[in-house]
Amino acid sequence: MKLDTQTSDYDLNNAGANARRFEEMGFDAVWTFEAAHDPFLALGVSAISTTKLEIGTNISVAFGRSPFAMAQTAWDLQHTSRGRFHLGLGTQVRAHIERRFSMPFDHPARRVADYIRCVRAIWDTFQTDAKPDYRGEFYQFRLMNPFFNPGPIEHPKIPIYLAGVNPLMCRTAGEVADGFHVHPMNSAPFLRDVVRPAIAEGAAKSGRRADDIALYAPIFAISGDDQAAFDKAEREVRRQISFYASTPNYRVLLEYYNLEALGKELSAKARKGEWNDMPKHVPDSLVEEVAVIGKPDEIPGRLAARYAGLLDRVSLYFPIPAGDSTERWQRFNEAFRAADGAAA
């Protein structure tokens, strides 16, 4: 398994130094996500500030950009990073696509599959100067001239990851993507019984195996150097779980654990704005399934042991605090890799 990290600092003045720090700590990749900031700009700075660290989006909103705009940005980042870029895409939900991005949202699984195929067709033209002739269900690419073609690059095969939770999106990833971004609302049994079989089903449609699709997940961890820090981490994880569990899109995990009533209860509280009350309703059993729990020196080994054979890449959900020492995370990386090697 590769050990990655996520960033929370999108200030371009800091991006280079942060990326160099992550590389020195020993992480394999750094991922950005699209929320309050653009997910690509910081990656551009990270690319030119490092030599080994992989970079990627987890996720960028596919339907917020045209396939051509997405293809251009990814092409430039792949060229700048010399082949270290991973394009992670997600569909978001209807309300945000239609009312925040002012873009169409219908048949999201079919639409994102068509989107990915269209992006790849654009890359093919960039690399080979092939005549554009992509005609999909939702997207097309049928016009190009030399002025708009950036031309070939040294590493043209850009891995595309698709994010999702429900089996339909897992099957779609298996069919058209190179990787799958597992939502942090996951557990080892859920990955084994729901996610991986659905990905395998989709992969079979394109003549592939489930192992051909790389799985990455950010994982909740509860730990701390003292009891106060441990309790604070637990409260934050409970808060995050209660937030996700209140959203119908993520109820598939609750259904797996026969906790459908909890999802409805949390949704009702969210509608009333009772955010502070929601975490106390998350049962301990769910926290233990979703989060890795232990002393700081136990987390690397437990993380590696829990997801051995289930994930190809893993990170902690919460970004590394700015003040944490490089040496501390170097030790974390060393411990994780030793445990991962033992579990292999």
Protein backbone atom coordinates (compact mmCIF):
# COMPACT_ATOMS: atom_id res chain seq x y z
CA MET A 1 0.00 0.00 0.00
CA LYS A 2 1.07 3.54 -0.68
CA LEU A 3 0.76 6.04 2.15
CA ASP A 4 -0.54 9.45 1.12
CA THR A 5 -1.66 12.63 2.84
CA GLN A 6 -4.15 15.43 2.25
CA THR A 7 -3.58 19.16 2.35
CA SER A 8 -5.78 21.81 3.89
CA ASP A 9 -3.62 24.85 3.03
CA TYR A 10 -4.46 26.23 -0.43
CA ASP A 11 -2.47 29.44 -0.04
CA LEU A 12 -0.15 29.37 -3.05
CA ASN A 13 2.50 31.13 -0.97
CA ASN A 14 2.69 28.02 1.22
CA ALA A 15 1.96 25.23 -1.27
CA GLY A 16 5.56 24.65 -2.34
CA ALA A 17 6.96 24.46 1.17
CA ASN A 18 4.13 22.17 2.27
CA ALA A 19 4.72 19.81 -0.64
CA ARG A 20 8.44 19.66 0.06
CA ARG A 21 7.67 18.89 3.70
CA PHE A 22 5.32 16.04 2.73
CA GLU A 23 7.98 14.65 0.40
CA GLU A 24 10.60 14.82 3.16
CA MET A 25 8.21 13.09 5.56
CA GLY A 26 8.09 10.16 3.15
CA PHE A 27 4.54 10.31 1.83
CA ASP A 28 3.84 8.94 -1.64
CA ALA A 29 1.27 11.55 -2.69
CA VAL A 30 -0.61 14.63 -1.61
CA TRP A 31 -4.28 15.08 -2.50
CA THR A 32 -6.37 18.24 -2.69
CA PHE A 33 -10.15 18.51 -2.60
CA GLU A 34 -12.55 20.98 -4.15
CA ALA A 35 -14.50 22.87 -1.52
CA ALA A 36 -13.68 26.50 -0.70
CA HIS A 37 -10.72 26.61 -3.08
CA ASP A 38 -9.69 25.51 -6.55
CA PRO A 39 -8.07 22.05 -6.26
CA PHE A 40 -5.59 22.47 -9.12
CA LEU A 41 -3.62 25.65 -8.43
CA ALA A 42 -1.88 24.36 -5.32
CA LEU A 43 -0.96 21.18 -7.18
CA GLY A 44 0.80 23.18 -9.88
CA VAL A 45 2.99 24.83 -7.25
CA SER A 46 3.52 21.47 -5.55
CA ALA A 47 4.62 19.90 -8.84
CA ILE A 48 7.41 22.38 -9.45
CA SER A 49 8.53 22.24 -5.82
CA THR A 50 9.08 18.46 -5.58
CA THR A 51 10.69 15.64 -7.53
CA LYS A 52 9.06 12.43 -6.25
CA LEU A 53 5.79 13.35 -4.54
CA GLU A 54 2.72 12.34 -6.55
CA ILE A 55 -0.12 14.87 -6.71
CA GLY A 56 -3.84 14.46 -7.25
CA THR A 57 -7.37 15.69 -6.68
CA ASN A 58 -9.75 13.97 -4.30
CA ILE A 59 -11.88 15.25 -5.76
CA SER A 60 -12.39 17.82 -8.49
CA VAL A 61 -16.03 18.29 -9.51
CA ALA A 62 -16.40 16.83 -12.99
CA PHE A 63 -19.68 18.43 -13.90
CA GLY A 64 -18.45 21.87 -12.85
CA ARG A 65 -16.14 21.99 -15.89
CA SER A 66 -16.40 20.95 -19.51
CA PRO A 67 -14.40 17.86 -20.53
CA PHE A 68 -12.08 20.04 -22.61
CA ALA A 69 -11.34 22.43 -19.74
CA MET A 70 -10.65 19.47 -17.44
CA ALA A 71 -8.47 17.77 -20.05
CA GLN A 72 -6.36 20.91 -20.55
CA THR A 73 -5.72 21.41 -16.83
CA ALA A 74 -4.85 17.77 -16.25
CA TRP A 75 -2.53 17.73 -19.29
CA ASP A 76 -0.59 20.75 -18.03
CA LEU A 77 -0.27 19.29 -14.52
CA GLN A 78 0.89 15.95 -15.87
CA HIS A 79 3.50 17.67 -18.03
CA THR A 80 4.67 19.95 -15.22
CA SER A 81 4.92 17.10 -12.69
CA ARG A 82 6.64 14.81 -15.22
CA GLY A 83 4.02 12.11 -14.89
CA ARG A 84 3.08 12.38 -11.20
CA PHE A 85 -0.50 13.64 -11.53
CA HIS A 86 -3.71 11.72 -10.74
CA LEU A 87 -7.03 13.18 -11.86
CA GLY A 88 -9.68 12.40 -9.26
CA LEU A 89 -13.24 13.19 -10.32
CA GLY A 90 -16.53 13.27 -8.47
CA THR A 91 -20.08 14.07 -9.51
CA GLN A 92 -21.17 16.09 -6.44
CA VAL A 93 -24.95 16.18 -5.91
CA ARG A 94 -27.75 17.69 -7.96
CA ALA A 95 -28.38 20.73 -5.77
CA HIS A 96 -24.78 21.91 -5.97
CA ILE A 97 -24.32 21.17 -9.68
CA GLU A 98 -27.50 22.92 -10.69
CA ARG A 99 -27.69 25.73 -8.13
CA ARG A 100 -24.00 26.43 -7.38
CA PHE A 101 -22.24 25.52 -10.63
CA SER A 102 -25.22 26.30 -12.94
CA MET A 103 -24.58 23.08 -14.85
CA PRO A 104 -26.80 20.13 -15.86
CA PHE A 105 -27.15 17.08 -13.62
CA ASP A 106 -28.99 14.02 -14.80
CA HIS A 107 -28.13 10.32 -14.93
CA PRO A 108 -24.87 11.03 -13.02
CA ALA A 109 -23.30 7.58 -13.45
CA ARG A 110 -23.89 7.49 -17.21
CA ARG A 111 -22.93 11.14 -17.56
CA VAL A 112 -19.62 10.79 -15.69
CA ALA A 113 -18.73 7.66 -17.68
CA ASP A 114 -19.30 9.63 -20.88
CA TYR A 115 -17.32 12.53 -19.42
CA ILE A 116 -14.30 10.31 -18.71
CA ARG A 117 -14.40 8.78 -22.19
CA CYS A 118 -14.56 12.25 -23.71
CA VAL A 119 -11.59 13.49 -21.64
CA ARG A 120 -9.56 10.51 -22.82
CA ALA A 121 -10.51 11.21 -26.44
CA ILE A 122 -9.27 14.79 -26.03
CA TRP A 123 -5.98 13.56 -24.55
CA ASP A 124 -5.58 11.19 -27.49
CA THR A 125 -5.84 14.11 -29.88
CA PHE A 126 -3.39 16.13 -27.79
CA GLN A 127 -0.88 13.27 -27.94
CA THR A 128 -1.34 11.88 -31.46
CA ASP A 129 -3.05 14.72 -33.33
CA ALA A 130 -5.87 12.29 -34.13
CA LYS A 131 -8.91 13.83 -35.76
CA PRO A 132 -11.49 14.49 -33.03
CA ASP A 133 -14.63 12.42 -33.49
CA TYR A 134 -16.04 11.68 -30.04
CA ARG A 135 -19.86 11.54 -29.99
CA GLY A 136 -21.18 10.49 -26.61
CA GLU A 137 -24.57 10.45 -24.94
CA PHE A 138 -23.93 13.76 -23.17
CA TYR A 139 -20.63 15.12 -24.52
CA GLN A 140 -18.89 15.53 -27.82
CA PHE A 141 -15.43 16.45 -29.07
CA ARG A 142 -15.43 17.01 -32.82
CA LEU A 143 -13.48 20.23 -33.42
CA MET A 144 -9.79 21.05 -33.03
CA ASN A 145 -7.10 23.08 -34.75
CA PRO A 146 -3.38 23.45 -34.00
CA PHE A 147 -3.87 26.72 -32.10
CA PHE A 148 -5.76 24.88 -29.33
CA ASN A 149 -3.68 21.69 -29.24
CA PRO A 150 -0.90 21.70 -26.60
CA GLY A 151 0.80 18.78 -28.29
CA PRO A 152 2.32 15.55 -26.97
CA ILE A 153 3.92 15.10 -23.55
CA GLU A 154 6.34 12.54 -22.16
CA HIS A 155 3.80 10.84 -19.86
CA PRO A 156 0.42 10.91 -21.64
CA LYS A 157 -1.32 8.19 -19.61
CA ILE A 158 -2.99 10.13 -16.80
CA PRO A 159 -4.78 7.92 -14.24
CA ILE A 160 -8.40 8.91 -13.69
CA TYR A 161 -9.95 8.13 -10.32
CA LEU A 162 -13.71 8.26 -9.80
CA ALA A 163 -15.22 8.89 -6.38
CA GLY A 164 -18.39 7.30 -5.10
CA VAL A 165 -20.21 5.42 -2.37
CA ASN A 166 -23.10 3.54 -3.91
CA PRO A 167 -22.66 0.30 -5.89
CA LEU A 168 -23.71 1.96 -9.16
CA MET A 169 -20.83 4.45 -9.02
CA CYS A 170 -18.47 1.66 -7.96
CA ARG A 171 -19.49 -0.32 -11.05
CA THR A 172 -19.00 2.77 -13.20
CA ALA A 173 -15.49 3.23 -11.83
CA GLY A 174 -14.70 -0.39 -12.52
CA GLU A 175 -15.86 0.02 -16.11
CA VAL A 176 -14.23 3.33 -17.12
CA ALA A 177 -11.73 4.55 -14.49
CA ASP A 178 -8.19 3.67 -13.47
CA GLY A 179 -8.85 4.17 -9.78
CA PHE A 180 -11.60 4.64 -7.23
CA HIS A 181 -11.73 7.20 -4.43
CA VAL A 182 -13.40 5.43 -1.52
CA HIS A 183 -15.41 7.75 0.69
CA PRO A 184 -14.16 8.09 4.29
CA MET A 185 -17.50 6.64 5.39
CA ASN A 186 -16.21 3.11 4.88
CA SER A 187 -15.16 0.03 6.80
CA ALA A 188 -13.09 -3.00 5.93
CA PRO A 189 -16.13 -5.34 5.75
CA PHE A 190 -18.03 -2.80 3.62
CA LEU A 191 -15.10 -2.60 1.20
CA ARG A 192 -14.88 -6.38 1.04
CA ASP A 193 -18.60 -7.09 0.67
CA VAL A 194 -19.94 -4.07 -1.27
CA VAL A 195 -17.30 -1.87 -2.89
CA ARG A 196 -14.85 -4.36 -4.35
CA PRO A 197 -17.49 -6.75 -5.79
CA ALA A 198 -19.25 -3.82 -7.50
CA ILE A 199 -15.95 -2.59 -8.94
CA ALA A 200 -15.19 -6.11 -10.17
CA GLU A 201 -18.58 -6.26 -11.87
CA GLY A 202 -17.89 -3.00 -13.70
CA ALA A 203 -14.34 -4.02 -14.57
CA ALA A 204 -15.58 -7.21 -16.20
CA LYS A 205 -17.58 -5.12 -18.68
CA SER A 206 -14.34 -3.65 -20.01
CA GLY A 207 -12.39 -6.90 -19.90
CA ARG A 208 -10.52 -6.09 -16.71
CA ARG A 209 -10.22 -7.37 -13.15
CA ALA A 210 -10.94 -5.50 -9.92
CA ASP A 211 -7.21 -5.44 -9.20
CA ASP A 212 -6.73 -3.28 -12.30
CA ILE A 213 -8.48 -0.41 -10.51
CA ALA A 214 -6.49 1.25 -7.72
CA LEU A 215 -8.45 2.02 -4.54
CA TYR A 216 -7.56 4.97 -2.33
CA ALA A 217 -9.29 6.04 0.87
CA PRO A 218 -8.76 8.70 3.54
CA ILE A 219 -9.36 7.06 6.92
CA PHE A 220 -10.65 8.51 10.17
CA ALA A 221 -8.24 8.02 13.07
CA ILE A 222 -8.80 8.59 16.77
CA SER A 223 -5.60 9.07 18.73
CA GLY A 224 -3.71 11.59 20.83
CA ASP A 225 -0.63 12.17 22.93
CA ASP A 226 -2.81 12.51 26.04
CA GLN A 227 -6.43 11.90 27.05
CA ALA A 228 -7.50 15.44 26.21
CA ALA A 229 -6.11 15.14 22.69
CA PHE A 230 -7.68 11.68 22.29
CA ASP A 231 -11.10 12.95 23.42
CA LYS A 232 -10.85 15.90 21.05
CA ALA A 233 -10.07 13.59 18.13
CA GLU A 234 -12.99 11.34 19.02
CA ARG A 235 -15.40 14.28 19.16
CA GLU A 236 -14.25 15.49 15.74
CA VAL A 237 -14.61 12.04 14.17
CA ARG A 238 -18.09 11.61 15.66
CA ARG A 239 -19.04 15.03 14.35
CA GLN A 240 -17.82 14.16 10.87
CA ILE A 241 -19.56 10.78 10.85
CA SER A 242 -22.83 12.35 12.00
CA PHE A 243 -22.60 14.95 9.22
CA TYR A 244 -22.03 12.37 6.49
CA ALA A 245 -24.62 9.99 7.94
CA SER A 246 -27.27 12.74 7.82
CA THR A 247 -26.93 12.89 4.02
CA PRO A 248 -28.98 10.31 2.06
CA ASN A 249 -26.17 9.84 -0.48
CA TYR A 250 -24.02 8.12 2.16
CA ARG A 251 -26.67 5.90 3.71
CA VAL A 252 -25.49 2.80 1.90
CA LEU A 253 -22.96 2.21 4.69
CA LEU A 254 -25.66 2.66 7.35
CA GLU A 255 -27.87 0.18 5.50
CA TYR A 256 -24.99 -2.31 5.49
CA TYR A 257 -24.94 -2.09 9.30
CA ASN A 258 -28.76 -2.04 9.65
CA LEU A 259 -28.66 1.57 10.86
CA GLU A 260 -31.18 3.05 8.41
CA ALA A 261 -33.15 4.56 11.32
CA LEU A 262 -30.04 6.44 12.46
CA GLY A 263 -29.69 8.08 9.04
CA LYS A 264 -33.28 9.30 9.10
CA GLU A 265 -32.89 10.57 12.66
CA LEU A 266 -29.72 12.50 11.80
CA SER A 267 -31.29 13.92 8.63
CA ALA A 268 -34.19 15.25 10.67
CA LYS A 269 -31.82 16.86 13.15
CA ALA A 270 -29.77 18.40 10.33
CA ARG A 271 -32.90 19.97 8.86
CA LYS A 272 -33.59 21.55 12.25
CA GLY A 273 -30.01 22.78 12.54
CA GLU A 274 -29.27 20.58 15.56
CA TRP A 275 -25.67 20.01 14.50
CA ASN A 276 -24.21 19.98 18.02
CA ASP A 277 -26.64 17.28 19.14
CA MET A 278 -25.98 14.92 16.23
CA PRO A 279 -22.60 13.39 17.22
CA LYS A 280 -23.92 11.93 20.48
CA HIS A 281 -26.33 9.74 18.47
CA VAL A 282 -23.54 7.98 16.56
CA PRO A 283 -23.15 4.54 18.21
CA ASP A 284 -19.75 3.42 19.44
CA SER A 285 -19.99 0.33 17.23
CA LEU A 286 -20.12 2.48 14.08
CA VAL A 287 -17.20 4.64 15.23
CA GLU A 288 -15.12 1.50 15.81
CA GLU A 289 -15.93 0.18 12.33
CA VAL A 290 -15.22 3.43 10.50
CA ALA A 291 -12.23 4.79 12.47
CA VAL A 292 -8.82 3.38 13.34
CA ILE A 293 -8.38 3.85 17.09
CA GLY A 294 -5.28 3.61 19.26
CA LYS A 295 -2.23 5.28 20.73
CA PRO A 296 -0.14 7.32 18.28
CA ASP A 297 2.44 4.57 17.86
CA GLU A 298 -0.33 1.99 17.25
CA ILE A 299 -2.11 3.81 14.42
CA PRO A 300 0.36 3.01 11.58
CA GLY A 301 0.25 -0.74 12.24
CA ARG A 302 -3.52 -0.86 12.72
CA LEU A 303 -4.06 1.18 9.58
CA ALA A 304 -1.89 -1.17 7.53
CA ALA A 305 -3.39 -4.34 9.03
CA ARG A 306 -7.02 -3.28 8.60
CA TYR A 307 -6.75 -2.38 4.92
CA ALA A 308 -4.20 -4.93 3.71
CA GLY A 309 -5.50 -6.46 0.50
CA LEU A 310 -8.41 -4.02 0.33
CA LEU A 311 -6.79 -0.69 -0.58
CA ASP A 312 -3.87 0.28 -2.78
CA ARG A 313 -3.40 3.72 -1.27
CA VAL A 314 -4.43 5.11 2.10
CA SER A 315 -4.13 8.31 4.09
CA LEU A 316 -5.46 9.77 7.28
CA TYR A 317 -8.61 11.82 6.77
CA PHE A 318 -7.44 14.89 8.65
CA PRO A 319 -4.51 16.86 7.17
CA ILE A 320 -1.25 17.08 9.11
CA PRO A 321 -1.19 20.12 11.42
CA ALA A 322 1.24 22.80 10.30
CA GLY A 323 3.27 22.62 13.51
CA ASP A 324 3.89 18.87 13.52
CA SER A 325 7.51 17.81 13.19
CA THR A 326 8.90 16.18 10.08
CA GLU A 327 10.61 13.53 12.20
CA ARG A 328 7.32 12.46 13.78
CA TRP A 329 5.78 11.71 10.40
CA GLN A 330 8.92 10.09 9.09
CA ARG A 331 8.58 7.63 11.97
CA PHE A 332 4.89 7.18 11.13
CA ASN A 333 5.77 6.37 7.52
CA GLU A 334 8.50 3.93 8.55
CA ALA A 335 6.17 2.14 10.98
CA PHE A 336 3.38 1.94 8.41
CA ARG A 337 5.63 0.50 5.72
CA ALA A 338 7.07 -2.06 8.11
CA ALA A 339 3.56 -3.16 9.13
CA ASP A 340 2.38 -3.19 5.52
CA GLY A 341 5.32 -5.36 4.52
CA ALA A 342 4.52 -7.79 7.34
CA ALA A 343 0.86 -7.96 6.31
CA ALA A 344 1.65 -8.60 2.63
